[in-house]
Amino acid sequence: MTAVMKTSLSETEVDRLRRNI
């Protein structure tokens, strides 16, 4: 479960970073 949560957070962070650029 932690791995899935971490993956979800990672994807959200990447999306935010990509939007920032």
C-alpha atoms as a PDB file:
ATOM      1  CA  MET A   1       0.000   0.000   0.000  1.00  0.00           C
ATOM      2  CA  THR A   2       2.838   2.408   0.810  1.00  0.00           C
ATOM      3  CA  ALA A   3       4.375   1.770  -2.614  1.00  0.00           C
ATOM      4  CA  VAL A   4       1.089   2.615  -4.363  1.00  0.00           C
ATOM      5  CA  MET A   5       0.689   5.776  -2.291  1.00  0.00           C
ATOM      6  CA  LYS A   6       4.282   6.791  -3.014  1.00  0.00           C
ATOM      7  CA  THR A   7       3.754   6.215  -6.733  1.00  0.00           C
ATOM      8  CA  SER A   8       0.607   8.340  -6.688  1.00  0.00           C
ATOM      9  CA  LEU A   9       2.413  11.141  -4.876  1.00  0.00           C
ATOM     10  CA  SER A  10       5.335  10.889  -7.269  1.00  0.00           C
ATOM     11  CA  GLU A  11       3.022  11.190 -10.281  1.00  0.00           C
ATOM     12  CA  THR A  12       1.275  14.194  -8.757  1.00  0.00           C
ATOM     13  CA  GLU A  13       4.595  15.859  -7.963  1.00  0.00           C
ATOM     14  CA  VAL A  14       5.842  15.250 -11.500  1.00  0.00           C
ATOM     15  CA  ASP A  15       2.648  16.726 -12.920  1.00  0.00           C
ATOM     16  CA  ARG A  16       3.049  19.827 -10.738  1.00  0.00           C
ATOM     17  CA  LEU A  17       6.706  20.201 -11.653  1.00  0.00           C
ATOM     18  CA  ARG A  18       5.914  19.806 -15.359  1.00  0.00           C
ATOM     19  CA  ARG A  19       3.187  22.445 -15.068  1.00  0.00           C
ATOM     20  CA  ASN A  20       5.623  24.769 -13.307  1.00  0.00           C
ATOM     21  CA  ILE A  21       8.102  24.573 -16.166  1.00  0.00           C
END
